Amino acid sequence: MKITALIGKRIKILRLERGLTQRDMEEVTGVSRSHISKIESGKVANPGLDTLEKIAKALKVSISFLFHFDERTLKKRVQAIEKRKKEHKKEMELLESKENEIKKLKRELRALKKKK
């Protein structure tokens, strides 16, 4: 894997860990969302140190931190993020189910009030 792809992956992981969107990053760094997306996906051959510096500052890490990694650590962090995403999805599905139950109960309550 190319170094720029690994740096991009690290940036994405850090951004997601901090709960930031690419739009948030754009607002803080002044780097366009589409350029951030390309950097994260490894499609930018040379993102430039000034750009990486802005991104590192937004992520509250040193620029050198973006260059220090090993693939096992990255994979573990990606897996942890994916696990949290699945848990969040399950929680959202449960919330939606509860909301539907409440709506159903409200309809039943209105129907009972009309009968009286």
Protein backbone atom coordinates (compact mmCIF):
# COMPACT_ATOMS: atom_id res chain seq x y z
CA MET A 1 0.00 0.00 0.00
CA LYS A 2 1.32 3.45 -0.89
CA ILE A 3 2.26 5.85 1.90
CA THR A 4 -0.35 8.41 0.78
CA ALA A 5 -3.06 5.74 0.99
CA LEU A 6 -1.95 4.85 4.53
CA ILE A 7 -1.89 8.51 5.55
CA GLY A 8 -5.34 8.95 4.04
CA LYS A 9 -6.62 5.93 5.93
CA ARG A 10 -5.14 7.28 9.17
CA ILE A 11 -6.77 10.69 8.59
CA LYS A 12 -10.16 9.05 8.01
CA ILE A 13 -9.85 6.91 11.13
CA LEU A 14 -8.88 9.91 13.27
CA ARG A 15 -11.71 11.97 11.80
CA LEU A 16 -14.29 9.27 12.49
CA GLU A 17 -12.94 8.65 16.00
CA ARG A 18 -13.48 12.33 16.71
CA GLY A 19 -17.01 12.26 15.28
CA LEU A 20 -16.17 14.74 12.53
CA THR A 21 -17.61 14.80 9.03
CA GLN A 22 -15.71 15.80 5.94
CA ARG A 23 -17.85 18.94 5.93
CA ASP A 24 -16.65 19.72 9.49
CA MET A 25 -13.07 19.26 8.34
CA GLU A 26 -13.67 21.56 5.39
CA GLU A 27 -14.97 24.30 7.68
CA VAL A 28 -12.04 24.01 10.10
CA THR A 29 -9.22 23.54 7.59
CA GLY A 30 -10.38 25.45 4.53
CA VAL A 31 -9.57 22.31 2.50
CA SER A 32 -12.49 21.33 0.27
CA ARG A 33 -14.57 18.33 1.26
CA SER A 34 -13.90 16.68 -2.09
CA HIS A 35 -10.14 17.10 -1.65
CA ILE A 36 -10.34 15.63 1.87
CA SER A 37 -12.31 12.71 0.45
CA LYS A 38 -9.65 12.13 -2.20
CA ILE A 39 -6.87 12.31 0.39
CA GLU A 40 -8.68 9.82 2.65
CA SER A 41 -9.18 7.39 -0.22
CA GLY A 42 -5.53 7.65 -1.33
CA LYS A 43 -6.38 9.28 -4.67
CA VAL A 44 -4.07 12.26 -4.10
CA ALA A 45 -0.46 11.41 -4.91
CA ASN A 46 0.96 14.38 -2.99
CA PRO A 47 -1.49 16.16 -0.66
CA GLY A 48 1.13 18.74 0.33
CA LEU A 49 2.57 19.39 3.75
CA ASP A 50 0.56 22.59 4.23
CA THR A 51 -2.67 20.66 3.64
CA LEU A 52 -1.60 17.83 5.93
CA GLU A 53 -0.63 20.39 8.56
CA LYS A 54 -4.12 21.93 8.46
CA ILE A 55 -5.72 18.49 8.68
CA ALA A 56 -3.45 17.40 11.55
CA LYS A 57 -4.27 20.59 13.46
CA ALA A 58 -8.02 20.01 12.97
CA LEU A 59 -7.60 16.46 14.26
CA LYS A 60 -5.50 17.72 17.19
CA VAL A 61 -2.45 15.61 16.31
CA SER A 62 1.02 16.47 15.13
CA ILE A 63 1.74 16.18 11.44
CA SER A 64 4.37 13.56 12.26
CA PHE A 65 1.64 11.45 13.89
CA LEU A 66 0.06 11.06 10.44
CA PHE A 67 3.27 9.40 9.22
CA HIS A 68 3.76 6.90 12.07
CA PHE A 69 1.69 3.77 11.75
CA ASP A 70 1.63 0.08 11.28
CA GLU A 71 -1.05 -1.72 9.32
CA ARG A 72 -2.16 -3.96 12.21
CA THR A 73 -2.96 -0.91 14.33
CA LEU A 74 -4.88 0.68 11.47
CA LYS A 75 -6.86 -2.50 10.85
CA LYS A 76 -7.78 -2.77 14.53
CA ARG A 77 -8.95 0.83 14.60
CA VAL A 78 -11.01 0.34 11.44
CA GLN A 79 -12.58 -2.79 12.95
CA ALA A 80 -13.41 -0.88 16.15
CA ILE A 81 -15.08 1.87 14.13
CA GLU A 82 -17.06 -0.67 12.08
CA LYS A 83 -18.19 -2.37 15.29
CA ARG A 84 -19.37 0.97 16.71
CA LYS A 85 -21.22 1.69 13.47
CA LYS A 86 -23.06 -1.65 13.72
CA GLU A 87 -23.93 -1.00 17.36
CA HIS A 88 -25.20 2.47 16.48
CA LYS A 89 -27.30 1.02 13.65
CA LYS A 90 -28.86 -1.52 16.04
CA GLU A 91 -29.62 1.25 18.54
CA MET A 92 -31.24 3.34 15.81
CA GLU A 93 -33.35 0.37 14.68
CA LEU A 94 -34.46 -0.22 18.26
CA LEU A 95 -35.36 3.46 18.66
CA GLU A 96 -37.33 3.38 15.43
CA SER A 97 -39.17 0.27 16.61
CA LYS A 98 -40.05 1.95 19.92
CA GLU A 99 -41.24 5.07 18.09
CA ASN A 100 -43.51 2.91 15.92
CA GLU A 101 -44.89 1.22 19.04
CA ILE A 102 -45.65 4.61 20.58
CA LYS A 103 -47.41 5.77 17.40
CA LYS A 104 -49.49 2.60 17.38
CA LEU A 105 -50.45 3.07 21.03
CA LYS A 106 -51.41 6.70 20.38
CA ARG A 107 -53.67 5.63 17.50
CA GLU A 108 -55.29 2.99 19.70
CA LEU A 109 -55.78 5.55 22.48
CA ARG A 110 -57.42 8.02 20.07
CA ALA A 111 -59.69 5.25 18.78
CA LEU A 112 -60.74 4.38 22.33
CA LYS A 113 -61.45 8.05 23.12
CA LYS A 114 -63.68 8.31 20.05
CA LYS A 115 -65.73 5.30 21.21
CA LYS A 116 -66.59 7.02 24.50
